[in-house]
């Protein structure tokens, strides 16, 4: 999850060996390198370790509980000796977990929709108001860069998680990252916010039902608020005039 000092940049394009050479091999490496640099530019930092890369032996000796290969993307934002730079959300989402872990240190998890979660780890501190249920947008400060947990220096470990498991294949990680940033509409990444037209339906019992809200918990909460408001409105409508004396 980290390299000493966090100084190593994303690996440069490598020339394939003659045995494994394909006509598009070098071009693919260059395209992959440029894609990583685009991710780094979007995050505002420097990549030091990519998904699927083997940990340096020194790191494995220091933290023997780490997996054989890196499960996310390590990014250094400021001075690798100090930390404390703001770590900003790259996506629209909703905070679903905030906590501390022996390896991840202080971490925050965003639900960005479609069963995909984003984890930022090793934070020095959490952003103001960052707790489960908080909606975030690109640029919101999730926390401050740190070196908590299994980290050899200040940096942020980013994971994309699908089905509860980290996406460790570098090409799959890049494709998913690009899809989240370029292709998905904001509503689909907002942790269950409406993705289309909202519709209100009146059930046989007279209660209101909402359609168009994919998150069941959010839909139930909104329906409860709607029905409370309807009850209050009906009470006002049927309230006798102030000077009414009956009879």
Protein backbone atom coordinates (compact mmCIF):
# COMPACT_ATOMS: atom_id res chain seq x y z
CA UNK A 1 0.00 0.00 0.00
CA UNK A 2 2.97 2.26 0.02
CA UNK A 3 6.60 2.67 -0.97
CA UNK A 4 9.35 4.24 1.13
CA UNK A 5 8.93 7.94 0.62
CA UNK A 6 6.32 7.36 -2.05
CA UNK A 7 8.68 8.62 -4.74
CA UNK A 8 8.31 6.09 -7.57
CA UNK A 9 6.26 7.22 -10.54
CA UNK A 10 3.92 5.04 -12.59
CA UNK A 11 5.97 2.51 -14.57
CA UNK A 12 7.06 3.80 -17.99
CA UNK A 13 6.09 1.92 -21.14
CA UNK A 14 8.09 -1.30 -21.46
CA UNK A 15 9.23 -2.81 -24.74
CA UNK A 16 7.82 -6.34 -24.98
CA UNK A 17 10.32 -9.20 -25.26
CA UNK A 18 10.81 -10.63 -28.78
CA UNK A 19 9.01 -13.82 -27.73
CA UNK A 20 5.92 -11.92 -26.63
CA UNK A 21 6.00 -9.21 -29.27
CA UNK A 22 2.77 -8.35 -31.03
CA UNK A 23 2.22 -5.58 -33.59
CA UNK A 24 0.19 -3.53 -31.14
CA UNK A 25 2.24 -4.36 -28.04
CA UNK A 26 4.25 -1.16 -27.76
CA UNK A 27 1.25 0.98 -28.69
CA UNK A 28 -0.79 -0.75 -25.99
CA UNK A 29 1.88 -0.04 -23.38
CA UNK A 30 2.04 3.62 -24.39
CA UNK A 31 -1.76 3.92 -24.27
CA UNK A 32 -1.82 2.28 -20.83
CA UNK A 33 0.89 4.63 -19.55
CA UNK A 34 -1.03 7.66 -20.83
CA UNK A 35 -4.22 6.35 -19.22
CA UNK A 36 -2.48 6.12 -15.83
CA UNK A 37 -1.13 9.62 -16.22
CA UNK A 38 -4.66 10.85 -16.98
CA UNK A 39 -5.87 9.24 -13.74
CA UNK A 40 -3.01 10.87 -11.84
CA UNK A 41 -3.82 14.26 -13.35
CA UNK A 42 -7.50 13.89 -12.44
CA UNK A 43 -6.56 13.04 -8.85
CA UNK A 44 -3.99 15.83 -8.68
CA UNK A 45 -1.15 13.58 -7.52
CA UNK A 46 1.64 11.21 -8.56
CA UNK A 47 1.13 7.47 -8.94
CA UNK A 48 3.65 5.33 -7.05
CA UNK A 49 2.13 1.85 -7.33
CA UNK A 50 -0.55 0.48 -9.65
CA UNK A 51 -3.00 -2.44 -9.19
CA UNK A 52 -1.57 -5.91 -9.72
CA UNK A 53 2.05 -4.86 -9.24
CA UNK A 54 4.18 -6.94 -6.88
CA UNK A 55 5.11 -5.25 -3.62
CA UNK A 56 8.80 -4.41 -3.20
CA UNK A 57 10.55 -6.96 -1.00
CA UNK A 58 11.33 -4.33 1.65
CA UNK A 59 7.62 -3.55 2.01
CA UNK A 60 6.69 -7.24 2.27
CA UNK A 61 9.29 -7.77 5.00
CA UNK A 62 7.96 -4.82 6.97
CA UNK A 63 4.29 -5.80 6.52
CA UNK A 64 4.17 -9.61 6.16
CA UNK A 65 0.35 -9.67 6.17
CA UNK A 66 0.05 -7.92 2.80
CA UNK A 67 -1.20 -9.86 -0.24
CA UNK A 68 1.34 -10.87 -2.86
CA UNK A 69 0.25 -8.13 -5.24
CA UNK A 70 -1.06 -4.62 -4.80
CA UNK A 71 -4.85 -4.38 -4.78
CA UNK A 72 -5.29 -0.71 -5.62
CA UNK A 73 -3.69 2.53 -6.78
CA UNK A 74 -1.23 4.48 -4.60
CA UNK A 75 -1.10 8.24 -5.10
CA UNK A 76 1.15 10.85 -3.46
CA UNK A 77 -0.36 14.33 -3.36
CA UNK A 78 2.22 16.63 -1.82
CA UNK A 79 5.54 16.37 -0.04
CA UNK A 80 6.00 12.60 0.51
CA UNK A 81 7.77 13.32 3.80
CA UNK A 82 4.95 15.36 5.33
CA UNK A 83 1.46 14.41 4.12
CA UNK A 84 -1.57 16.42 5.16
CA UNK A 85 -2.68 17.42 1.66
CA UNK A 86 -6.44 17.24 0.94
CA UNK A 87 -7.70 14.02 -0.64
CA UNK A 88 -10.67 14.84 -2.85
CA UNK A 89 -13.40 12.59 -4.16
CA UNK A 90 -13.04 11.82 -7.88
CA UNK A 91 -16.67 10.71 -8.19
CA UNK A 92 -20.25 11.42 -7.19
CA UNK A 93 -21.25 9.00 -4.45
CA UNK A 94 -22.44 8.39 -0.92
CA UNK A 95 -20.31 7.59 2.12
CA UNK A 96 -21.17 4.08 3.36
CA UNK A 97 -18.29 3.37 5.74
CA UNK A 98 -15.71 5.31 7.73
CA UNK A 99 -13.29 3.51 10.00
CA UNK A 100 -9.83 2.27 10.95
CA UNK A 101 -8.06 -0.95 9.94
CA UNK A 102 -4.60 -2.40 10.75
CA UNK A 103 -3.60 -2.37 7.07
CA UNK A 104 -5.78 0.36 5.57
CA UNK A 105 -5.40 2.73 8.52
CA UNK A 106 -8.07 5.42 8.46
CA UNK A 107 -10.29 4.72 5.47
CA UNK A 108 -13.49 5.96 3.86
CA UNK A 109 -15.72 4.03 1.44
CA UNK A 110 -18.04 5.55 -1.17
CA UNK A 111 -20.92 3.81 -2.93
CA UNK A 112 -20.85 5.04 -6.52
CA UNK A 113 -23.69 2.87 -7.82
CA UNK A 114 -23.98 -0.34 -9.86
CA UNK A 115 -22.54 -2.37 -6.98
CA UNK A 116 -19.23 -0.49 -7.15
CA UNK A 117 -17.49 1.04 -4.15
CA UNK A 118 -14.43 3.27 -3.90
CA UNK A 119 -12.11 3.12 -0.90
CA UNK A 120 -9.53 5.77 0.09
CA UNK A 121 -7.11 4.58 2.78
CA UNK A 122 -4.18 5.65 5.02
CA UNK A 123 -5.85 9.01 5.73
CA UNK A 124 -4.36 11.22 8.41
CA UNK A 125 -7.81 12.61 9.23
CA UNK A 126 -11.33 12.57 7.81
CA UNK A 127 -13.00 15.49 6.07
CA UNK A 128 -15.55 17.56 7.97
CA UNK A 129 -18.90 15.79 8.13
CA UNK A 130 -17.67 12.65 6.38
CA UNK A 131 -19.87 9.95 7.90
CA UNK A 132 -22.16 7.24 6.51
CA UNK A 133 -25.03 8.72 4.51
CA UNK A 134 -23.14 11.84 3.46
CA UNK A 135 -23.52 12.62 -0.24
CA UNK A 136 -20.32 13.70 -1.99
CA UNK A 137 -19.45 15.14 -5.37
CA UNK A 138 -16.15 15.43 -7.26
CA UNK A 139 -13.80 17.77 -5.43
CA UNK A 140 -15.25 17.25 -1.94
CA UNK A 141 -12.51 16.69 0.64
CA UNK A 142 -12.73 13.12 1.95
CA UNK A 143 -9.80 13.58 4.30
CA UNK A 144 -6.11 14.44 4.57
CA UNK A 145 -3.26 12.41 3.11
CA UNK A 146 -1.55 10.33 5.75
CA UNK A 147 0.46 7.23 6.57
CA UNK A 148 -1.86 5.32 8.91
CA UNK A 149 -1.99 1.54 8.80
CA UNK A 150 0.46 -0.45 6.65
CA UNK A 151 2.05 2.55 4.96
CA UNK A 152 5.73 3.39 4.62
CA UNK A 153 5.09 7.05 3.90
CA UNK A 154 2.26 9.55 3.35
CA UNK A 155 0.09 8.63 0.38
CA UNK A 156 -3.48 7.58 -0.43
CA UNK A 157 -4.40 4.04 -1.40
CA UNK A 158 -7.39 3.98 -3.78
CA UNK A 159 -9.40 0.83 -4.38
CA UNK A 160 -12.24 0.13 -6.76
CA UNK A 161 -14.34 -2.68 -5.30
CA UNK A 162 -16.93 -4.74 -7.13
CA UNK A 163 -18.97 -7.40 -5.36
CA UNK A 164 -17.05 -6.66 -2.18
CA UNK A 165 -13.66 -7.49 -3.76
CA UNK A 166 -10.90 -5.16 -4.97
CA UNK A 167 -10.39 -4.84 -8.72
CA UNK A 168 -6.72 -5.83 -8.91
CA UNK A 169 -6.30 -6.32 -12.66
CA UNK A 170 -4.74 -3.06 -13.95
CA UNK A 171 -6.59 -3.01 -17.28
CA UNK A 172 -9.92 -3.75 -15.61
CA UNK A 173 -9.20 -1.05 -13.03
CA UNK A 174 -8.48 1.51 -15.76
CA UNK A 175 -11.58 0.59 -17.74
CA UNK A 176 -13.79 0.84 -14.67
CA UNK A 177 -12.24 4.14 -13.57
CA UNK A 178 -12.75 5.65 -17.01
CA UNK A 179 -16.33 4.40 -17.10
CA UNK A 180 -17.08 5.98 -13.75
CA UNK A 181 -15.60 9.33 -14.75
CA UNK A 182 -16.71 9.57 -18.39
CA UNK A 183 -19.70 7.41 -19.20
CA UNK A 184 -21.99 7.13 -16.21
CA UNK A 185 -24.56 9.87 -15.61
CA UNK A 186 -24.29 11.56 -12.23
CA UNK A 187 -27.60 10.19 -11.02
CA UNK A 188 -26.41 6.62 -11.48
CA UNK A 189 -23.32 7.29 -9.34
CA UNK A 190 -25.06 9.04 -6.49
CA UNK A 191 -25.60 6.02 -4.27
CA UNK A 192 -29.23 5.38 -5.11
CA UNK A 193 -30.41 8.84 -6.13
CA UNK A 194 -33.05 9.05 -8.88
CA UNK A 195 -31.76 7.92 -12.27
CA UNK A 196 -34.81 8.86 -14.31
CA UNK A 197 -38.28 10.39 -14.02
CA UNK A 198 -39.84 10.38 -10.54
CA UNK A 199 -43.44 9.18 -10.42
CA UNK A 200 -45.93 9.15 -7.54
CA UNK A 201 -48.56 6.40 -7.47
CA UNK A 202 -51.63 6.24 -5.21
CA UNK A 203 -52.21 2.76 -3.80
CA UNK A 204 -55.62 1.24 -3.01
CA UNK A 205 -55.14 2.08 0.66
CA UNK A 206 -54.71 5.74 -0.25
CA UNK A 207 -50.98 5.80 0.51
CA UNK A 208 -48.48 7.34 -1.89
CA UNK A 209 -45.75 5.24 -3.52
CA UNK A 210 -42.65 6.52 -5.32
CA UNK A 211 -41.23 5.09 -8.54
CA UNK A 212 -37.84 5.98 -10.01
CA UNK A 213 -35.74 5.76 -6.81
CA UNK A 214 -33.50 2.65 -7.07
CA UNK A 215 -32.33 2.58 -3.45
CA UNK A 216 -35.07 0.77 -1.43
CA UNK A 217 -34.11 2.39 1.89
CA UNK A 218 -34.13 5.86 0.37
CA UNK A 219 -37.42 5.18 -1.40
CA UNK A 220 -39.09 4.08 1.84
CA UNK A 221 -37.82 7.16 3.66
CA UNK A 222 -39.08 9.45 0.89
CA UNK A 223 -42.47 7.70 0.81
CA UNK A 224 -42.82 8.12 4.58
CA UNK A 225 -42.09 11.84 4.23
CA UNK A 226 -44.59 12.12 1.37
CA UNK A 227 -47.35 10.44 3.35
CA UNK A 228 -46.65 12.53 6.45
CA UNK A 229 -46.93 15.63 4.31
CA UNK A 230 -50.16 14.38 2.74
CA UNK A 231 -51.66 13.69 6.17
CA UNK A 232 -50.75 17.17 7.36
CA UNK A 233 -52.19 18.72 4.20
CA UNK A 234 -55.47 16.82 4.60
CA UNK A 235 -55.66 17.90 8.21
CA UNK A 236 -55.37 21.53 7.15
CA UNK A 237 -57.99 21.09 4.41
CA UNK A 238 -60.52 19.51 6.75
CA UNK A 239 -59.83 21.72 9.75
CA UNK A 240 -62.98 23.63 10.81
CA UNK A 241 -62.85 27.43 10.46
CA UNK A 242 -61.67 29.22 13.58
CA UNK A 243 -65.11 30.84 14.15
CA UNK A 244 -67.02 27.61 13.50
CA UNK A 245 -69.18 26.61 16.53
CA UNK A 246 -70.77 23.47 15.16
CA UNK A 247 -74.49 22.67 14.94
